[in-house]
Amino acid sequence: MSPETQMSKCVFCGENATRKNSNGQPVCNEHMREDPKSVACPECGLPMKIKEGRYGFFWGCEGYPKCKQTFQVEAVVEKDGD
């Protein structure tokens, strides 16, 4: 596994990611050809984008620092699966 996908989960299914898509989102082999995932911030409505932190990748609001909303990748995958 490449260092940039270490400790990351696929934004579509939550499985271990093996690469990044065209928007830099971590994805597994099964979802590498999918269009980049789009998530809106529930607090302010701005788009959220994948960011990399100390503990791996997460969804962060583009309105930062005004809006500090974040989600773990797994939380968004689980929410979509409901």
Protein backbone atom coordinates (compact mmCIF):
# COMPACT_ATOMS: atom_id res chain seq x y z
CA MET A 1 0.00 0.00 0.00
CA SER A 2 1.32 3.44 -0.85
CA PRO A 3 2.08 5.85 2.02
CA GLU A 4 -0.60 8.35 0.92
CA THR A 5 -3.39 5.81 1.39
CA GLN A 6 -2.09 4.32 4.64
CA MET A 7 -4.69 4.50 7.45
CA SER A 8 -7.45 5.45 5.03
CA LYS A 9 -10.83 4.07 4.07
CA CYS A 10 -12.63 4.19 0.73
CA VAL A 11 -15.05 7.16 0.66
CA PHE A 12 -17.68 4.97 -1.04
CA CYS A 13 -17.68 1.73 0.97
CA GLY A 14 -15.37 2.15 3.97
CA GLU A 15 -13.02 -0.68 2.93
CA ASN A 16 -9.27 -0.13 2.98
CA ALA A 17 -8.25 2.33 0.27
CA THR A 18 -5.51 1.40 -2.17
CA ARG A 19 -5.25 4.64 -4.16
CA LYS A 20 -6.71 8.12 -4.66
CA ASN A 21 -9.21 9.21 -7.31
CA SER A 22 -8.95 12.36 -9.47
CA ASN A 23 -10.02 14.59 -6.53
CA GLY A 24 -7.52 13.03 -4.12
CA GLN A 25 -10.18 11.03 -2.31
CA PRO A 26 -9.06 7.61 -0.99
CA VAL A 27 -10.78 4.75 -2.84
CA CYS A 28 -10.58 0.97 -3.08
CA ASN A 29 -9.94 -0.91 -6.34
CA GLU A 30 -13.68 -1.44 -6.84
CA HIS A 31 -14.51 2.29 -6.73
CA MET A 32 -11.44 3.80 -8.41
CA ARG A 33 -13.37 4.63 -11.59
CA GLU A 34 -16.35 6.25 -9.83
CA ASP A 35 -16.90 10.00 -10.11
CA PRO A 36 -15.55 11.81 -7.01
CA LYS A 37 -17.96 11.74 -4.10
CA SER A 38 -19.71 14.97 -3.16
CA VAL A 39 -20.79 15.71 0.43
CA ALA A 40 -22.49 18.91 1.64
CA CYS A 41 -21.86 20.29 5.12
CA PRO A 42 -24.96 19.91 7.31
CA GLU A 43 -24.01 23.04 9.28
CA CYS A 44 -23.51 25.63 6.52
CA GLY A 45 -24.30 23.84 3.23
CA LEU A 46 -20.87 24.37 1.68
CA PRO A 47 -19.16 21.39 0.05
CA MET A 48 -16.95 19.21 2.19
CA LYS A 49 -13.66 17.89 0.90
CA ILE A 50 -11.30 15.14 1.89
CA LYS A 51 -8.43 16.34 4.06
CA GLU A 52 -5.56 14.42 5.61
CA GLY A 53 -4.86 14.68 9.31
CA ARG A 54 -2.70 13.00 11.89
CA TYR A 55 -5.01 9.98 12.06
CA GLY A 56 -5.77 9.58 8.36
CA PHE A 57 -8.29 11.10 5.99
CA PHE A 58 -11.49 12.89 7.01
CA TRP A 59 -14.23 15.09 5.52
CA GLY A 60 -13.75 18.76 6.40
CA CYS A 61 -15.93 21.75 5.52
CA GLU A 62 -14.54 24.14 2.89
CA GLY A 63 -15.90 26.96 5.07
CA TYR A 64 -13.12 26.41 7.62
CA PRO A 65 -12.24 28.34 9.83
CA LYS A 66 -15.78 29.79 10.09
CA CYS A 67 -17.31 26.30 10.02
CA LYS A 68 -15.35 23.59 11.78
CA GLN A 69 -17.61 20.63 10.88
CA THR A 70 -15.72 17.38 10.23
CA PHE A 71 -16.61 13.73 9.80
CA GLN A 72 -14.62 10.53 9.75
CA VAL A 73 -14.81 8.84 6.34
CA GLU A 74 -16.53 5.85 7.96
CA ALA A 75 -19.29 8.05 9.43
CA VAL A 76 -20.26 9.38 5.98
CA VAL A 77 -20.18 5.86 4.48
CA GLU A 78 -22.44 4.52 7.26
CA LYS A 79 -24.84 7.48 6.89
CA ASP A 80 -25.12 6.88 3.12
CA GLY A 81 -25.82 3.20 3.72
CA ASP A 82 -28.95 3.88 5.83
